[in-house]
Amino acid sequence: MIDIAPNASGLPGIEQLRVIVGAVMVVGLILAVLALIVAAVAWGYGANSSNPHLASRGKLGVLVACGAAVICGAAVTLVNFFWGVGQSV
């Protein structure tokens, strides 16, 4: 029987790594907001200039930016969920 659990103090620099990962999550969320703004502008411009291709690309960009924000925000919860699923197998 092998029983291994995560060890938060096993390697030096774990706290710095947590800080770096948190900073990368913030950068991802900021970029998602920027992408949402750009896509919304493209959507609005395409809709007002009778350009259906640009409007549809803007809509897709808005959906992708929202999906990226959801994934960035839920990354820790998703990993913890699948960690629990893996531990129950």
Protein backbone atom coordinates (compact mmCIF):
# COMPACT_ATOMS: atom_id res chain seq x y z
CA MET A 1 0.00 0.00 0.00
CA ILE A 2 1.50 3.29 -1.15
CA ASP A 3 0.12 6.47 0.38
CA ILE A 4 1.60 9.70 -0.95
CA ALA A 5 0.16 13.13 -0.23
CA PRO A 6 1.25 16.53 -1.54
CA ASN A 7 4.02 18.04 0.54
CA ALA A 8 3.93 21.84 0.55
CA SER A 9 7.29 22.12 2.32
CA GLY A 10 9.20 19.49 0.33
CA LEU A 11 10.97 21.86 -2.05
CA PRO A 12 12.48 25.28 -1.50
CA GLY A 13 10.71 28.09 -3.31
CA ILE A 14 7.15 26.72 -3.11
CA GLU A 15 5.82 29.99 -1.69
CA GLN A 16 7.50 31.98 -4.47
CA LEU A 17 6.01 29.60 -7.01
CA ARG A 18 2.54 30.21 -5.55
CA VAL A 19 3.11 33.96 -5.87
CA ILE A 20 4.22 33.55 -9.49
CA VAL A 21 1.21 31.39 -10.37
CA GLY A 22 -1.11 33.94 -8.76
CA ALA A 23 0.52 36.71 -10.78
CA VAL A 24 0.12 34.71 -13.99
CA MET A 25 -3.57 34.22 -13.17
CA VAL A 26 -3.96 37.99 -12.78
CA VAL A 27 -2.22 38.58 -16.10
CA GLY A 28 -4.53 36.03 -17.74
CA LEU A 29 -7.60 37.76 -16.34
CA ILE A 30 -6.35 41.18 -17.46
CA LEU A 31 -5.72 39.84 -20.97
CA ALA A 32 -9.19 38.27 -21.00
CA VAL A 33 -10.71 41.66 -20.16
CA LEU A 34 -8.65 43.30 -22.92
CA ALA A 35 -9.75 40.63 -25.40
CA LEU A 36 -13.36 41.12 -24.34
CA ILE A 37 -13.15 44.86 -24.95
CA VAL A 38 -11.50 44.45 -28.36
CA ALA A 39 -13.99 41.78 -29.43
CA ALA A 40 -16.95 43.86 -28.26
CA VAL A 41 -15.66 46.84 -30.25
CA ALA A 42 -15.25 44.63 -33.33
CA TRP A 43 -18.74 43.22 -32.83
CA GLY A 44 -20.26 46.68 -32.49
CA TYR A 45 -18.35 48.06 -35.45
CA GLY A 46 -19.32 45.08 -37.59
CA ALA A 47 -22.97 45.36 -36.61
CA ASN A 48 -23.13 49.09 -37.29
CA SER A 49 -21.24 48.97 -40.58
CA SER A 50 -23.32 46.10 -42.01
CA ASN A 51 -20.35 43.76 -41.98
CA PRO A 52 -21.71 40.37 -40.84
CA HIS A 53 -18.32 38.65 -40.97
CA LEU A 54 -16.76 41.16 -38.58
CA ALA A 55 -19.83 41.06 -36.33
CA SER A 56 -19.72 37.26 -36.12
CA ARG A 57 -15.99 37.30 -35.38
CA GLY A 58 -16.64 39.84 -32.64
CA LYS A 59 -19.32 37.61 -31.13
CA LEU A 60 -16.96 34.65 -31.19
CA GLY A 61 -14.23 36.77 -29.61
CA VAL A 62 -16.57 37.79 -26.79
CA LEU A 63 -17.42 34.14 -26.11
CA VAL A 64 -13.77 33.09 -26.19
CA ALA A 65 -12.73 35.92 -23.86
CA CYS A 66 -15.51 35.03 -21.40
CA GLY A 67 -14.50 31.37 -21.56
CA ALA A 68 -10.86 32.27 -20.91
CA ALA A 69 -11.88 34.34 -17.89
CA VAL A 70 -13.97 31.47 -16.53
CA ILE A 71 -11.11 29.02 -16.95
CA CYS A 72 -8.59 31.41 -15.34
CA GLY A 73 -10.91 32.03 -12.43
CA ALA A 74 -11.86 28.40 -11.93
CA ALA A 75 -8.43 26.86 -12.54
CA VAL A 76 -7.67 26.14 -8.88
CA THR A 77 -11.15 24.75 -8.25
CA LEU A 78 -10.96 22.54 -11.35
CA VAL A 79 -7.56 21.16 -10.39
CA ASN A 80 -8.73 20.49 -6.82
CA PHE A 81 -11.87 18.77 -8.12
CA PHE A 82 -9.94 16.47 -10.44
CA TRP A 83 -7.36 15.85 -7.73
CA GLY A 84 -10.20 14.61 -5.52
CA VAL A 85 -11.56 12.47 -8.34
CA GLY A 86 -8.11 10.99 -8.88
CA GLN A 87 -7.72 10.25 -5.18
CA SER A 88 -11.02 8.35 -5.11
CA VAL A 89 -10.05 6.03 -7.96
